[in-house]
Amino acid sequence: MPRQRSIEDLTSDELRQLLVEKRRAEREARLESFRKTGRVIQVEAENQTIPDVIQRDAEEPQDEPLTNRRRAKNRRKKGMERFLLVVEIFAILGLVVIIFQAFSVLNLLNKETAGALVPQLTPTALITAVVLPSGHTAPVEGVEVRPNDAEIPEHLRPLMQSYADLPIPTPGAQQARQIQIPAIGLSAPVVLGDGWEQLKKGVGQHVGTANPGETGNLVVSAHNDIFGELFKDLDKLKTGDTIILTTQDRSFTYVVTGTQIVEPTRVDLMAPTPEKTLTMISCYPYRIDTQRIVVTAILQED
């Protein structure tokens, strides 16, 4: 029996020959495995390499069940690819919608911020009198007549004072300049404003009320027992009597529709009206002045 040699005893040529034989044995084992699985029919030459066998195997007809399974697998793969494509498209569309909405919201916020930074100019509200105009203390011999603050509710007195301090605007061409009431023989100038100083000069037109001939409530007032006693005889007017108001350009005739005696706090009678109305106000009764007399009239159209 020949003695076994160790690797150290082998020459380089013998080692190379052993390596070649080992590789050939491994190749034969792989080919045998291919034959058993039906992927190789026969081997034409010993020196044929594995890639050649695999290439020929691809060219040879496959088993029908294996081909069907592969086709089914390919169909499932293609179906999944289509599904993923649709999901990606919807995701992109959703992203576009989200970006558009984000820009819209951002634009709206920018506008609101800009609006908040710019001061909003609002018209100054017209301060309404808290009591009817022309009020004053009753004339007493040796006692100075002054505005009757007692008839103003205490909590409204600061508001009344601020109203009294407002500057009177310059009268325009459309404001009343003269009033005539033939039934009581009155002809007097009309000034703009109905404060204490204005009513010393004549009949006062309340600031902010309608001008003669305009739709709305034209409110005028005067004293009845001081500063000329201009409205002393308002209580003598009857329904149908006429009042003529003259502006810089023309005259307007109003016809009396009614008279009432009210408390000084009935400021609702000075509110705007849908008709072309004239409201005349004065203290009442004569030299007592605890109430107001209010005469209303309506414009007589041409």
Protein backbone atom coordinates (compact mmCIF):
# COMPACT_ATOMS: atom_id res chain seq x y z
CA MET A 1 0.00 0.00 0.00
CA PRO A 2 1.51 3.26 -1.07
CA ARG A 3 2.37 5.68 1.70
CA GLN A 4 0.07 8.77 1.95
CA ARG A 5 1.88 11.99 1.22
CA SER A 6 1.27 15.23 2.99
CA ILE A 7 0.68 18.53 1.19
CA GLU A 8 4.20 19.61 2.09
CA ASP A 9 5.59 16.65 0.12
CA LEU A 10 3.72 17.54 -3.10
CA THR A 11 5.31 19.54 -5.87
CA SER A 12 3.69 22.61 -7.40
CA ASP A 13 2.69 20.65 -10.55
CA GLU A 14 1.06 17.98 -8.44
CA LEU A 15 -0.84 20.59 -6.45
CA ARG A 16 -2.03 22.28 -9.66
CA GLN A 17 -3.20 18.85 -10.99
CA LEU A 18 -5.14 18.20 -7.76
CA LEU A 19 -6.86 21.61 -8.02
CA VAL A 20 -7.88 20.95 -11.65
CA GLU A 21 -9.33 17.56 -10.74
CA LYS A 22 -11.23 19.07 -7.80
CA ARG A 23 -12.79 21.73 -10.04
CA ARG A 24 -13.71 19.09 -12.64
CA ALA A 25 -15.41 16.99 -9.95
CA GLU A 26 -17.39 20.01 -8.75
CA ARG A 27 -18.46 20.78 -12.30
CA GLU A 28 -19.56 17.17 -12.86
CA ALA A 29 -21.59 17.32 -9.67
CA ARG A 30 -23.37 20.48 -10.81
CA LEU A 31 -24.11 19.01 -14.23
CA GLU A 32 -25.51 15.89 -12.60
CA SER A 33 -27.72 18.07 -10.48
CA PHE A 34 -28.98 19.85 -13.62
CA ARG A 35 -29.70 16.52 -15.28
CA LYS A 36 -31.78 15.31 -12.35
CA THR A 37 -33.93 18.43 -12.41
CA GLY A 38 -34.54 18.11 -16.13
CA ARG A 39 -32.73 21.25 -17.07
CA VAL A 40 -30.01 19.40 -19.01
CA ILE A 41 -30.76 16.59 -21.50
CA GLN A 42 -27.22 15.54 -22.38
CA VAL A 43 -23.70 16.79 -22.38
CA GLU A 44 -22.05 16.85 -25.77
CA ALA A 45 -18.51 17.48 -24.63
CA GLU A 46 -16.62 17.17 -21.40
CA ASN A 47 -15.10 20.58 -21.79
CA GLN A 48 -18.52 22.26 -22.02
CA THR A 49 -18.87 24.99 -19.38
CA ILE A 50 -21.83 25.68 -17.13
CA PRO A 51 -22.76 28.99 -18.83
CA ASP A 52 -23.12 27.13 -22.14
CA VAL A 53 -25.47 24.64 -20.50
CA ILE A 54 -27.57 27.40 -18.94
CA GLN A 55 -27.79 29.29 -22.27
CA ARG A 56 -28.93 26.13 -24.13
CA ASP A 57 -31.36 25.43 -21.35
CA ALA A 58 -32.92 28.84 -21.89
CA GLU A 59 -33.34 28.08 -25.59
CA GLU A 60 -34.94 24.66 -25.01
CA PRO A 61 -38.72 24.41 -24.38
CA GLN A 62 -39.79 24.63 -20.71
CA ASP A 63 -42.27 22.43 -18.93
CA GLU A 64 -45.85 23.78 -19.38
CA PRO A 65 -46.79 23.99 -15.65
CA LEU A 66 -43.57 25.86 -14.87
CA THR A 67 -44.27 28.30 -17.74
CA ASN A 68 -47.83 28.96 -16.51
CA ARG A 69 -46.61 29.66 -13.00
CA ARG A 70 -44.06 32.13 -14.31
CA ARG A 71 -46.70 33.87 -16.43
CA ALA A 72 -49.02 34.11 -13.45
CA LYS A 73 -46.19 35.50 -11.37
CA ASN A 74 -45.39 38.06 -14.08
CA ARG A 75 -49.03 39.10 -14.28
CA ARG A 76 -49.16 39.60 -10.51
CA LYS A 77 -45.95 41.58 -10.67
CA LYS A 78 -47.28 43.81 -13.45
CA GLY A 79 -50.57 44.27 -11.58
CA MET A 80 -48.70 45.34 -8.46
CA GLU A 81 -46.60 47.73 -10.50
CA ARG A 82 -49.75 49.31 -11.96
CA PHE A 83 -51.29 49.59 -8.51
CA LEU A 84 -48.19 51.28 -7.13
CA LEU A 85 -48.18 53.64 -10.12
CA VAL A 86 -51.79 54.65 -9.41
CA VAL A 87 -50.95 55.16 -5.72
CA GLU A 88 -48.01 57.37 -6.67
CA ILE A 89 -50.19 59.44 -9.03
CA PHE A 90 -52.83 60.00 -6.32
CA ALA A 91 -50.12 60.86 -3.80
CA ILE A 92 -48.67 63.47 -6.17
CA LEU A 93 -52.14 64.94 -6.81
CA GLY A 94 -52.80 65.08 -3.06
CA LEU A 95 -49.49 66.82 -2.50
CA VAL A 96 -50.34 69.39 -5.18
CA VAL A 97 -53.73 70.06 -3.54
CA ILE A 98 -52.11 70.45 -0.10
CA ILE A 99 -49.51 72.87 -1.47
CA PHE A 100 -52.23 74.92 -3.22
CA GLN A 101 -54.32 75.10 -0.05
CA ALA A 102 -51.25 76.05 1.97
CA PHE A 103 -50.52 78.94 -0.40
CA SER A 104 -54.17 80.04 -0.22
CA VAL A 105 -54.15 80.04 3.57
CA LEU A 106 -50.83 81.85 3.62
CA ASN A 107 -52.16 84.50 1.24
CA LEU A 108 -55.27 84.96 3.39
CA LEU A 109 -53.17 85.31 6.54
CA ASN A 110 -50.95 87.87 4.83
CA LYS A 111 -54.00 89.93 3.84
CA GLU A 112 -55.45 89.76 7.35
CA THR A 113 -52.10 90.73 8.85
CA ALA A 114 -51.74 93.64 6.45
CA GLY A 115 -55.28 94.75 7.25
CA ALA A 116 -54.54 94.61 10.96
CA LEU A 117 -51.41 96.70 10.57
CA VAL A 118 -53.13 99.43 8.53
CA PRO A 119 -55.36 101.60 10.74
CA GLN A 120 -59.00 101.40 9.72
CA LEU A 121 -60.51 104.82 9.27
CA THR A 122 -64.08 104.92 10.49
CA PRO A 123 -66.36 107.94 10.41
CA THR A 124 -66.88 109.67 13.73
CA ALA A 125 -70.30 108.80 15.07
CA LEU A 126 -72.64 111.72 15.48
CA ILE A 127 -73.15 112.36 19.18
CA THR A 128 -76.86 112.45 19.89
CA ALA A 129 -78.16 114.86 22.53
CA VAL A 130 -79.15 113.21 25.80
CA VAL A 131 -81.95 115.71 26.35
CA LEU A 132 -83.98 117.80 23.93
CA PRO A 133 -82.36 121.17 23.12
CA SER A 134 -83.26 124.68 24.44
CA GLY A 135 -83.48 123.64 28.09
CA HIS A 136 -82.73 126.29 30.74
CA THR A 137 -83.67 127.34 34.23
CA ALA A 138 -86.91 129.28 34.62
CA PRO A 139 -86.44 133.06 34.43
CA VAL A 140 -86.53 134.64 37.89
CA GLU A 141 -86.09 138.34 38.59
CA GLY A 142 -82.54 139.05 39.74
CA VAL A 143 -81.31 135.47 38.99
CA GLU A 144 -79.15 134.68 36.00
CA VAL A 145 -80.72 132.21 33.56
CA ARG A 146 -78.44 129.29 32.68
CA PRO A 147 -78.67 125.83 31.10
CA ASN A 148 -80.69 123.46 33.26
CA ASP A 149 -78.21 120.68 34.08
CA ALA A 150 -80.65 119.18 36.59
CA GLU A 151 -82.80 117.73 33.78
CA ILE A 152 -79.79 115.77 32.43
CA PRO A 153 -79.35 112.30 34.03
CA GLU A 154 -76.24 112.44 36.21
CA HIS A 155 -74.43 109.59 34.45
CA LEU A 156 -74.94 111.34 31.08
CA ARG A 157 -73.66 114.77 32.07
CA PRO A 158 -70.03 114.12 30.99
CA LEU A 159 -71.33 113.04 27.57
CA MET A 160 -73.46 116.17 27.30
CA GLN A 161 -70.45 118.32 28.22
CA SER A 162 -68.28 116.68 25.55
CA TYR A 163 -71.03 117.27 23.00
CA ALA A 164 -71.27 120.93 23.98
CA ASP A 165 -67.50 121.34 23.46
CA LEU A 166 -67.53 120.10 19.86
CA PRO A 167 -66.77 122.78 17.27
CA ILE A 168 -69.65 123.90 15.07
CA PRO A 169 -68.97 123.25 11.36
CA THR A 170 -69.23 126.04 8.80
CA PRO A 171 -72.80 126.26 7.43
CA GLY A 172 -73.22 125.06 3.86
CA ALA A 173 -75.37 126.47 1.10
CA GLN A 174 -78.06 123.84 1.67
CA GLN A 175 -78.58 124.58 5.37
CA ALA A 176 -81.41 126.75 6.67
CA ARG A 177 -80.76 130.49 6.88
CA GLN A 178 -84.22 131.90 7.72
CA ILE A 179 -87.51 130.64 9.21
CA GLN A 180 -90.95 132.19 8.78
CA ILE A 181 -94.18 131.10 10.52
CA PRO A 182 -97.03 133.35 9.28
CA ALA A 183 -99.60 131.99 11.76
CA ILE A 184 -97.66 133.40 14.75
CA GLY A 185 -95.94 136.27 12.94
CA LEU A 186 -92.42 134.85 13.30
CA SER A 187 -89.47 135.67 11.05
CA ALA A 188 -86.03 134.82 12.48
CA PRO A 189 -82.56 133.80 11.37
CA VAL A 190 -81.47 130.15 11.57
CA VAL A 191 -77.95 129.29 12.75
CA LEU A 192 -76.13 125.97 12.70
CA GLY A 193 -75.99 124.40 16.15
CA ASP A 194 -78.36 124.49 19.11
CA GLY A 195 -76.01 125.05 22.05
CA TRP A 196 -76.34 127.80 24.62
CA GLU A 197 -74.38 130.35 22.59
CA GLN A 198 -76.00 129.51 19.25
CA LEU A 199 -79.56 129.91 20.58
CA LYS A 200 -78.69 133.44 21.69
CA LYS A 201 -78.47 134.34 17.97
CA GLY A 202 -81.69 132.83 16.66
CA VAL A 203 -83.30 129.48 15.85
CA GLY A 204 -80.73 126.66 15.92
CA GLN A 205 -80.54 123.76 13.46
CA HIS A 206 -79.30 120.59 15.20
CA VAL A 207 -75.97 119.49 13.72
CA GLY A 208 -76.26 116.29 11.69
CA THR A 209 -79.97 116.48 10.95
CA ALA A 210 -81.44 116.86 7.47
CA ASN A 211 -81.31 120.13 5.55
CA PRO A 212 -84.46 121.80 4.20
CA GLY A 213 -86.05 119.77 1.39
CA GLU A 214 -84.02 116.63 2.18
CA THR A 215 -85.40 113.27 3.21
CA GLY A 216 -85.01 112.87 6.97
CA ASN A 217 -85.73 114.84 10.12
CA LEU A 218 -84.77 118.53 10.15
CA VAL A 219 -84.61 119.51 13.86
CA VAL A 220 -84.71 123.17 14.92
CA SER A 221 -85.13 124.73 18.36
CA ALA A 222 -85.33 128.11 20.08
CA HIS A 223 -86.13 129.57 23.47
CA ASN A 224 -89.68 130.56 24.45
CA ASP A 225 -89.05 133.10 27.23
CA ILE A 226 -85.46 134.35 26.84
CA PHE A 227 -83.24 135.63 24.02
CA GLY A 228 -86.11 137.06 21.99
CA GLU A 229 -88.78 134.50 22.95
CA LEU A 230 -88.74 133.25 19.34
CA PHE A 231 -90.75 130.07 19.96
CA LYS A 232 -93.08 131.54 22.61
CA ASP A 233 -96.23 130.84 20.55
CA LEU A 234 -95.51 127.35 19.23
CA ASP A 235 -98.47 126.06 21.25
CA LYS A 236 -100.78 128.25 19.11
CA LEU A 237 -99.96 126.42 15.87
CA LYS A 238 -102.64 124.21 14.39
CA THR A 239 -102.61 121.36 11.90
CA GLY A 240 -102.28 122.79 8.40
CA ASP A 241 -100.33 125.90 9.39
CA THR A 242 -97.25 126.50 7.24
CA ILE A 243 -93.57 127.01 8.10
CA ILE A 244 -91.20 128.40 5.46
CA LEU A 245 -87.49 127.59 5.63
CA THR A 246 -85.09 129.43 3.34
CA THR A 247 -81.63 128.31 2.30
CA GLN A 248 -79.05 130.23 0.27
CA ASP A 249 -80.73 129.08 -2.96
CA ARG A 250 -84.47 128.58 -2.35
CA SER A 251 -87.37 128.24 0.07
CA PHE A 252 -89.21 125.15 1.33
CA THR A 253 -92.70 125.05 2.83
CA TYR A 254 -93.64 122.60 5.57
CA VAL A 255 -97.18 121.92 6.83
CA VAL A 256 -97.87 121.32 10.55
CA THR A 257 -99.11 117.79 11.32
CA GLY A 258 -99.20 117.75 15.13
CA THR A 259 -98.09 119.09 18.54
CA GLN A 260 -97.16 117.24 21.71
CA ILE A 261 -95.85 118.03 25.20
CA VAL A 262 -93.07 115.65 26.33
CA GLU A 263 -90.34 115.18 28.92
CA PRO A 264 -86.88 116.63 28.14
CA THR A 265 -85.43 113.12 27.73
CA ARG A 266 -87.58 112.23 24.69
CA VAL A 267 -84.59 112.46 22.34
CA ASP A 268 -86.15 109.78 20.14
CA LEU A 269 -88.19 112.58 18.56
CA MET A 270 -84.94 113.82 16.98
CA ALA A 271 -84.25 110.51 15.23
CA PRO A 272 -84.08 110.37 11.41
CA THR A 273 -87.34 109.73 9.57
CA PRO A 274 -88.09 108.20 6.16
CA GLU A 275 -90.10 111.29 5.22
CA LYS A 276 -89.08 114.91 4.68
CA THR A 277 -89.92 116.05 8.20
CA LEU A 278 -89.48 119.23 10.26
CA THR A 279 -89.36 119.05 14.09
CA MET A 280 -89.51 122.29 16.13
CA ILE A 281 -88.65 122.17 19.85
CA SER A 282 -88.88 124.64 22.72
CA CYS A 283 -89.24 124.70 26.51
CA TYR A 284 -92.73 124.50 28.03
CA PRO A 285 -94.74 125.86 29.86
CA TYR A 286 -93.91 129.50 29.50
CA ARG A 287 -91.50 130.71 32.27
CA ILE A 288 -91.68 127.30 33.99
CA ASP A 289 -89.71 125.24 31.43
CA THR A 290 -89.93 121.79 32.99
CA GLN A 291 -91.07 120.12 29.78
CA ARG A 292 -90.77 120.50 26.01
CA ILE A 293 -93.25 121.38 23.31
CA VAL A 294 -92.62 119.58 20.01
CA VAL A 295 -94.30 120.59 16.75
CA THR A 296 -93.94 118.33 13.72
CA ALA A 297 -94.49 119.25 10.08
CA ILE A 298 -94.04 117.61 6.71
CA LEU A 299 -92.65 119.10 3.48
CA GLN A 300 -95.22 120.42 1.05
CA GLU A 301 -94.07 119.15 -2.34
CA ASP A 302 -94.13 121.51 -5.33
